[in-house]
Amino acid sequence: MENGIFNQLTNAFLNYKGVGFVSLQYRSKESNELSKCLYNIGAKYENAVKRDIDTLNLGVEYVPSPLYTKADWDLALAESKQSLIAPDKVRSDGQKNAYVSLNENNNGIKLNYSTLDVYLFMKQESKVVLEQGVFKAVKSKAKTIAKNVIKKNLKSAKFRTLILKNVAGSVKVNKQVINVDGVDRVEDVCEVVVFD
């Protein structure tokens, strides 16, 4: 990504205030999957965690599966709740010490001190896979599989961290379209209306 486009993207995210939506294409570093996603750039992670704790306190209905038992489910539910109430301090401190927030309005853009990569932190609202990626075989234990099913009910699990240099195609922020790869194209315009 050339510096001019990188600067345009950085400025678009830095100057973004409030809650809104960003549409972009992203290539996964691990799987090489290319997807077009819609993100909520102003969503507050802390608010999602509070709602998730309430959801877990009420209980998430057991989803039977041959891959885990009810005991695995109950343990996964308890551990999911505990991880939201009291996150791992060493891991949390490591995250805080590794990044500096560049956008004080919503912490949506961060800089990694050691790599100098710019990261976007947003809530994913939708995803359309454009090119399938290659994924490693998963060998999860029963409790982990149960946790992943529980996560589908949690708002905080929808937050994603993206490396800005892996953004592909074009990005649309506040009706401003930035062609990352320099290719002119007809944009799919998606109007998003938020109802309070």
C-alpha atoms as a PDB file:
ATOM      1  CA  MET A   1       0.000   0.000   0.000  1.00  0.00           C
ATOM      2  CA  GLU A   2       1.518   3.306  -1.010  1.00  0.00           C
ATOM      3  CA  ASN A   3       2.006   6.055   1.585  1.00  0.00           C
ATOM      4  CA  GLY A   4      -0.606   8.434   0.113  1.00  0.00           C
ATOM      5  CA  ILE A   5      -3.361   5.824   0.334  1.00  0.00           C
ATOM      6  CA  PHE A   6      -2.170   4.717   3.769  1.00  0.00           C
ATOM      7  CA  ASN A   7      -2.321   8.329   4.972  1.00  0.00           C
ATOM      8  CA  GLN A   8      -5.827   8.768   3.498  1.00  0.00           C
ATOM      9  CA  LEU A   9      -7.026   5.659   5.338  1.00  0.00           C
ATOM     10  CA  THR A  10      -5.367   6.635   8.598  1.00  0.00           C
ATOM     11  CA  ASN A  11      -6.846  10.149   8.442  1.00  0.00           C
ATOM     12  CA  ALA A  12     -10.319   8.813   7.617  1.00  0.00           C
ATOM     13  CA  PHE A  13     -10.269   6.600  10.710  1.00  0.00           C
ATOM     14  CA  LEU A  14      -8.580   9.159  12.967  1.00  0.00           C
ATOM     15  CA  ASN A  15     -11.139  11.843  12.151  1.00  0.00           C
ATOM     16  CA  TYR A  16     -14.117   9.555  12.559  1.00  0.00           C
ATOM     17  CA  LYS A  17     -16.385  10.530  15.450  1.00  0.00           C
ATOM     18  CA  GLY A  18     -19.468   8.810  16.776  1.00  0.00           C
ATOM     19  CA  VAL A  19     -21.029   5.552  15.678  1.00  0.00           C
ATOM     20  CA  GLY A  20     -21.113   4.595  12.023  1.00  0.00           C
ATOM     21  CA  PHE A  21     -20.287   1.940   9.505  1.00  0.00           C
ATOM     22  CA  VAL A  22     -17.233   1.103   7.422  1.00  0.00           C
ATOM     23  CA  SER A  23     -17.268  -1.234   4.438  1.00  0.00           C
ATOM     24  CA  LEU A  24     -13.994  -2.819   3.381  1.00  0.00           C
ATOM     25  CA  GLN A  25     -12.308  -5.853   1.871  1.00  0.00           C
ATOM     26  CA  TYR A  26      -9.775  -7.670   4.003  1.00  0.00           C
ATOM     27  CA  ARG A  27      -7.315 -10.477   3.315  1.00  0.00           C
ATOM     28  CA  SER A  28      -6.647 -12.706   6.325  1.00  0.00           C
ATOM     29  CA  LYS A  29      -2.974 -13.115   7.162  1.00  0.00           C
ATOM     30  CA  GLU A  30      -3.420 -16.697   8.432  1.00  0.00           C
ATOM     31  CA  SER A  31      -5.797 -18.232   5.875  1.00  0.00           C
ATOM     32  CA  ASN A  32      -5.405 -15.823   2.912  1.00  0.00           C
ATOM     33  CA  GLU A  33      -9.232 -15.591   2.776  1.00  0.00           C
ATOM     34  CA  LEU A  34     -10.562 -12.436   1.077  1.00  0.00           C
ATOM     35  CA  SER A  35     -13.828 -11.098   2.431  1.00  0.00           C
ATOM     36  CA  LYS A  36     -15.968  -7.986   2.196  1.00  0.00           C
ATOM     37  CA  CYS A  37     -17.164  -6.884   5.609  1.00  0.00           C
ATOM     38  CA  LEU A  38     -19.327  -4.239   7.177  1.00  0.00           C
ATOM     39  CA  TYR A  39     -18.004  -2.938  10.504  1.00  0.00           C
ATOM     40  CA  ASN A  40     -19.427  -0.679  13.187  1.00  0.00           C
ATOM     41  CA  ILE A  41     -16.516   1.649  13.872  1.00  0.00           C
ATOM     42  CA  GLY A  42     -17.955   3.426  16.891  1.00  0.00           C
ATOM     43  CA  ALA A  43     -19.208   0.447  18.882  1.00  0.00           C
ATOM     44  CA  LYS A  44     -17.829   0.356  22.418  1.00  0.00           C
ATOM     45  CA  TYR A  45     -16.252  -2.937  23.447  1.00  0.00           C
ATOM     46  CA  GLU A  46     -16.822  -2.146  27.127  1.00  0.00           C
ATOM     47  CA  ASN A  47     -20.590  -1.829  26.548  1.00  0.00           C
ATOM     48  CA  ALA A  48     -20.636  -5.165  24.710  1.00  0.00           C
ATOM     49  CA  VAL A  49     -18.811  -6.838  27.623  1.00  0.00           C
ATOM     50  CA  LYS A  50     -21.369  -5.460  30.120  1.00  0.00           C
ATOM     51  CA  ARG A  51     -24.251  -6.820  28.007  1.00  0.00           C
ATOM     52  CA  ASP A  52     -22.481 -10.167  27.646  1.00  0.00           C
ATOM     53  CA  ILE A  53     -22.055 -10.496  31.405  1.00  0.00           C
ATOM     54  CA  ASP A  54     -25.806  -9.881  31.774  1.00  0.00           C
ATOM     55  CA  THR A  55     -26.493 -12.498  29.093  1.00  0.00           C
ATOM     56  CA  LEU A  56     -24.257 -15.045  30.813  1.00  0.00           C
ATOM     57  CA  ASN A  57     -25.795 -14.268  34.223  1.00  0.00           C
ATOM     58  CA  LEU A  58     -29.212 -15.097  32.760  1.00  0.00           C
ATOM     59  CA  GLY A  59     -27.711 -18.244  31.262  1.00  0.00           C
ATOM     60  CA  VAL A  60     -27.286 -19.323  27.668  1.00  0.00           C
ATOM     61  CA  GLU A  61     -29.557 -22.195  26.743  1.00  0.00           C
ATOM     62  CA  TYR A  62     -27.722 -25.493  26.364  1.00  0.00           C
ATOM     63  CA  VAL A  63     -27.206 -26.519  22.735  1.00  0.00           C
ATOM     64  CA  PRO A  64     -26.827 -30.316  22.614  1.00  0.00           C
ATOM     65  CA  SER A  65     -23.987 -31.697  20.505  1.00  0.00           C
ATOM     66  CA  PRO A  66     -22.133 -34.995  20.174  1.00  0.00           C
ATOM     67  CA  LEU A  67     -18.885 -32.970  20.418  1.00  0.00           C
ATOM     68  CA  TYR A  68     -19.353 -31.987  24.090  1.00  0.00           C
ATOM     69  CA  THR A  69     -21.360 -32.908  27.196  1.00  0.00           C
ATOM     70  CA  LYS A  70     -23.647 -30.824  29.407  1.00  0.00           C
ATOM     71  CA  ALA A  71     -20.809 -30.735  31.969  1.00  0.00           C
ATOM     72  CA  ASP A  72     -18.459 -29.314  29.286  1.00  0.00           C
ATOM     73  CA  TRP A  73     -21.133 -26.728  28.457  1.00  0.00           C
ATOM     74  CA  ASP A  74     -21.575 -25.658  32.077  1.00  0.00           C
ATOM     75  CA  LEU A  75     -17.814 -25.356  32.591  1.00  0.00           C
ATOM     76  CA  ALA A  76     -17.455 -23.378  29.342  1.00  0.00           C
ATOM     77  CA  LEU A  77     -20.272 -21.048  30.426  1.00  0.00           C
ATOM     78  CA  ALA A  78     -18.645 -20.420  33.837  1.00  0.00           C
ATOM     79  CA  GLU A  79     -15.201 -19.807  32.296  1.00  0.00           C
ATOM     80  CA  SER A  80     -16.643 -17.489  29.630  1.00  0.00           C
ATOM     81  CA  LYS A  81     -18.324 -15.410  32.318  1.00  0.00           C
ATOM     82  CA  GLN A  82     -15.174 -15.318  34.475  1.00  0.00           C
ATOM     83  CA  SER A  83     -13.003 -14.229  31.541  1.00  0.00           C
ATOM     84  CA  LEU A  84     -15.295 -11.222  30.953  1.00  0.00           C
ATOM     85  CA  ILE A  85     -15.561 -10.267  34.634  1.00  0.00           C
ATOM     86  CA  ALA A  86     -11.827 -10.640  35.395  1.00  0.00           C
ATOM     87  CA  PRO A  87      -9.708 -10.845  32.239  1.00  0.00           C
ATOM     88  CA  ASP A  88      -6.221 -12.345  32.478  1.00  0.00           C
ATOM     89  CA  LYS A  89      -4.158  -9.471  33.955  1.00  0.00           C
ATOM     90  CA  VAL A  90      -0.870 -10.469  32.311  1.00  0.00           C
ATOM     91  CA  ARG A  91      -2.528 -10.697  28.899  1.00  0.00           C
ATOM     92  CA  SER A  92      -4.468  -7.436  29.404  1.00  0.00           C
ATOM     93  CA  ASP A  93      -1.330  -5.577  30.483  1.00  0.00           C
ATOM     94  CA  GLY A  94       0.533  -7.006  27.496  1.00  0.00           C
ATOM     95  CA  GLN A  95      -2.144  -5.639  25.165  1.00  0.00           C
ATOM     96  CA  LYS A  96      -2.150  -2.232  26.858  1.00  0.00           C
ATOM     97  CA  ASN A  97       1.649  -1.990  26.727  1.00  0.00           C
ATOM     98  CA  ALA A  98       1.904  -3.125  23.093  1.00  0.00           C
ATOM     99  CA  TYR A  99      -0.365  -0.464  21.559  1.00  0.00           C
ATOM    100  CA  VAL A 100      -1.114   3.227  21.717  1.00  0.00           C
ATOM    101  CA  SER A 101      -4.595   4.416  20.786  1.00  0.00           C
ATOM    102  CA  LEU A 102      -4.516   7.010  18.007  1.00  0.00           C
ATOM    103  CA  ASN A 103      -8.226   7.835  18.121  1.00  0.00           C
ATOM    104  CA  GLU A 104      -9.403   8.883  21.569  1.00  0.00           C
ATOM    105  CA  ASN A 105     -13.037   9.090  20.429  1.00  0.00           C
ATOM    106  CA  ASN A 106     -13.519   5.344  20.130  1.00  0.00           C
ATOM    107  CA  ASN A 107     -10.122   3.548  20.342  1.00  0.00           C
ATOM    108  CA  GLY A 108     -10.829   2.238  16.846  1.00  0.00           C
ATOM    109  CA  ILE A 109      -7.293   2.773  15.568  1.00  0.00           C
ATOM    110  CA  LYS A 110      -4.120   1.668  17.361  1.00  0.00           C
ATOM    111  CA  LEU A 111      -0.389   1.620  16.651  1.00  0.00           C
ATOM    112  CA  ASN A 112       1.781  -1.322  17.683  1.00  0.00           C
ATOM    113  CA  TYR A 113       4.956  -0.012  19.316  1.00  0.00           C
ATOM    114  CA  SER A 114       7.253  -2.797  18.131  1.00  0.00           C
ATOM    115  CA  THR A 115       6.042  -3.449  14.547  1.00  0.00           C
ATOM    116  CA  LEU A 116       4.677   0.065  13.829  1.00  0.00           C
ATOM    117  CA  ASP A 117       1.654  -1.621  12.203  1.00  0.00           C
ATOM    118  CA  VAL A 118      -1.629   0.262  12.397  1.00  0.00           C
ATOM    119  CA  TYR A 119      -4.574  -1.812  13.674  1.00  0.00           C
ATOM    120  CA  LEU A 120      -8.303  -1.182  13.327  1.00  0.00           C
ATOM    121  CA  PHE A 121     -10.582  -2.417  16.134  1.00  0.00           C
ATOM    122  CA  MET A 122     -14.245  -2.612  15.146  1.00  0.00           C
ATOM    123  CA  LYS A 123     -17.407  -4.661  15.577  1.00  0.00           C
ATOM    124  CA  GLN A 124     -18.151  -6.870  12.578  1.00  0.00           C
ATOM    125  CA  GLU A 125     -21.775  -6.616  11.461  1.00  0.00           C
ATOM    126  CA  SER A 126     -21.649  -8.762   8.320  1.00  0.00           C
ATOM    127  CA  LYS A 127     -19.198 -10.718   6.172  1.00  0.00           C
ATOM    128  CA  VAL A 128     -19.272 -12.034   2.609  1.00  0.00           C
ATOM    129  CA  VAL A 129     -16.421 -14.346   1.579  1.00  0.00           C
ATOM    130  CA  LEU A 130     -15.060 -13.376  -1.862  1.00  0.00           C
ATOM    131  CA  GLU A 131     -12.196 -15.911  -2.022  1.00  0.00           C
ATOM    132  CA  GLN A 132     -12.048 -18.996   0.178  1.00  0.00           C
ATOM    133  CA  GLY A 133      -8.961 -19.359   2.318  1.00  0.00           C
ATOM    134  CA  VAL A 134      -7.045 -22.397   3.499  1.00  0.00           C
ATOM    135  CA  PHE A 135      -7.683 -23.115   7.167  1.00  0.00           C
ATOM    136  CA  LYS A 136      -5.693 -25.358   9.483  1.00  0.00           C
ATOM    137  CA  ALA A 137      -7.428 -28.430  10.865  1.00  0.00           C
ATOM    138  CA  VAL A 138      -8.898 -27.654  14.265  1.00  0.00           C
ATOM    139  CA  LYS A 139      -8.328 -30.142  17.075  1.00  0.00           C
ATOM    140  CA  SER A 140     -10.275 -28.422  19.835  1.00  0.00           C
ATOM    141  CA  LYS A 141     -11.273 -30.060  23.082  1.00  0.00           C
ATOM    142  CA  ALA A 142     -14.941 -30.438  24.007  1.00  0.00           C
ATOM    143  CA  LYS A 143     -14.949 -27.443  26.388  1.00  0.00           C
ATOM    144  CA  THR A 144     -13.449 -25.179  23.704  1.00  0.00           C
ATOM    145  CA  ILE A 145     -16.074 -26.256  21.162  1.00  0.00           C
ATOM    146  CA  ALA A 146     -18.792 -25.460  23.729  1.00  0.00           C
ATOM    147  CA  LYS A 147     -17.194 -22.033  24.368  1.00  0.00           C
ATOM    148  CA  ASN A 148     -17.260 -21.298  20.637  1.00  0.00           C
ATOM    149  CA  VAL A 149     -20.980 -22.117  20.497  1.00  0.00           C
ATOM    150  CA  ILE A 150     -21.601 -19.854  23.512  1.00  0.00           C
ATOM    151  CA  LYS A 151     -19.608 -17.027  21.858  1.00  0.00           C
ATOM    152  CA  LYS A 152     -22.186 -16.888  19.059  1.00  0.00           C
ATOM    153  CA  ASN A 153     -24.526 -15.339  21.658  1.00  0.00           C
ATOM    154  CA  LEU A 154     -22.004 -12.723  22.820  1.00  0.00           C
ATOM    155  CA  LYS A 155     -21.650  -9.246  21.349  1.00  0.00           C
ATOM    156  CA  SER A 156     -18.011  -8.858  22.429  1.00  0.00           C
ATOM    157  CA  ALA A 157     -17.065 -11.876  20.286  1.00  0.00           C
ATOM    158  CA  LYS A 158     -17.983  -9.885  17.161  1.00  0.00           C
ATOM    159  CA  PHE A 159     -15.161  -7.385  17.629  1.00  0.00           C
ATOM    160  CA  ARG A 160     -12.261  -7.770  15.210  1.00  0.00           C
ATOM    161  CA  THR A 161      -8.734  -6.415  15.030  1.00  0.00           C
ATOM    162  CA  LEU A 162      -7.504  -5.807  11.488  1.00  0.00           C
ATOM    163  CA  ILE A 163      -4.040  -4.808  10.310  1.00  0.00           C
ATOM    164  CA  LEU A 164      -4.465  -1.768   8.063  1.00  0.00           C
ATOM    165  CA  LYS A 165      -1.849  -2.972   5.534  1.00  0.00           C
ATOM    166  CA  ASN A 166      -3.954  -6.112   4.866  1.00  0.00           C
ATOM    167  CA  VAL A 167      -6.951  -4.080   3.689  1.00  0.00           C
ATOM    168  CA  ALA A 168      -7.592  -4.708  -0.020  1.00  0.00           C
ATOM    169  CA  GLY A 169      -9.772  -3.191  -2.760  1.00  0.00           C
ATOM    170  CA  SER A 170     -11.547  -0.135  -1.438  1.00  0.00           C
ATOM    171  CA  VAL A 171     -12.664   1.268   1.886  1.00  0.00           C
ATOM    172  CA  LYS A 172     -15.762   3.364   2.407  1.00  0.00           C
ATOM    173  CA  VAL A 173     -15.729   5.607   5.485  1.00  0.00           C
ATOM    174  CA  ASN A 174     -18.351   8.347   5.959  1.00  0.00           C
ATOM    175  CA  LYS A 175     -19.298   8.229   2.237  1.00  0.00           C
ATOM    176  CA  GLN A 176     -15.609   8.711   1.325  1.00  0.00           C
ATOM    177  CA  VAL A 177     -14.372   5.854  -0.904  1.00  0.00           C
ATOM    178  CA  ILE A 178     -10.633   5.152  -0.862  1.00  0.00           C
ATOM    179  CA  ASN A 179      -9.269   2.724  -3.489  1.00  0.00           C
ATOM    180  CA  VAL A 180      -6.472   0.968  -1.632  1.00  0.00           C
ATOM    181  CA  ASP A 181      -5.003  -0.797  -4.651  1.00  0.00           C
ATOM    182  CA  GLY A 182      -5.363   2.220  -6.967  1.00  0.00           C
ATOM    183  CA  VAL A 183      -7.857   0.446  -9.269  1.00  0.00           C
ATOM    184  CA  ASP A 184     -10.919   2.465 -10.313  1.00  0.00           C
ATOM    185  CA  ARG A 185     -14.075   0.420  -9.942  1.00  0.00           C
ATOM    186  CA  VAL A 186     -17.810   0.832  -9.684  1.00  0.00           C
ATOM    187  CA  GLU A 187     -18.619   0.683  -5.986  1.00  0.00           C
ATOM    188  CA  ASP A 188     -21.460  -1.305  -4.475  1.00  0.00           C
ATOM    189  CA  VAL A 189     -23.196   1.314  -2.392  1.00  0.00           C
ATOM    190  CA  CYS A 190     -24.809   0.013   0.752  1.00  0.00           C
ATOM    191  CA  GLU A 191     -27.016   2.443   2.656  1.00  0.00           C
ATOM    192  CA  VAL A 192     -27.169   1.636   6.340  1.00  0.00           C
ATOM    193  CA  VAL A 193     -29.893   3.195   8.445  1.00  0.00           C
ATOM    194  CA  VAL A 194     -29.567   3.078  12.208  1.00  0.00           C
ATOM    195  CA  PHE A 195     -32.758   3.157  14.259  1.00  0.00           C
ATOM    196  CA  ASP A 196     -32.602   4.107  17.926  1.00  0.00           C
END
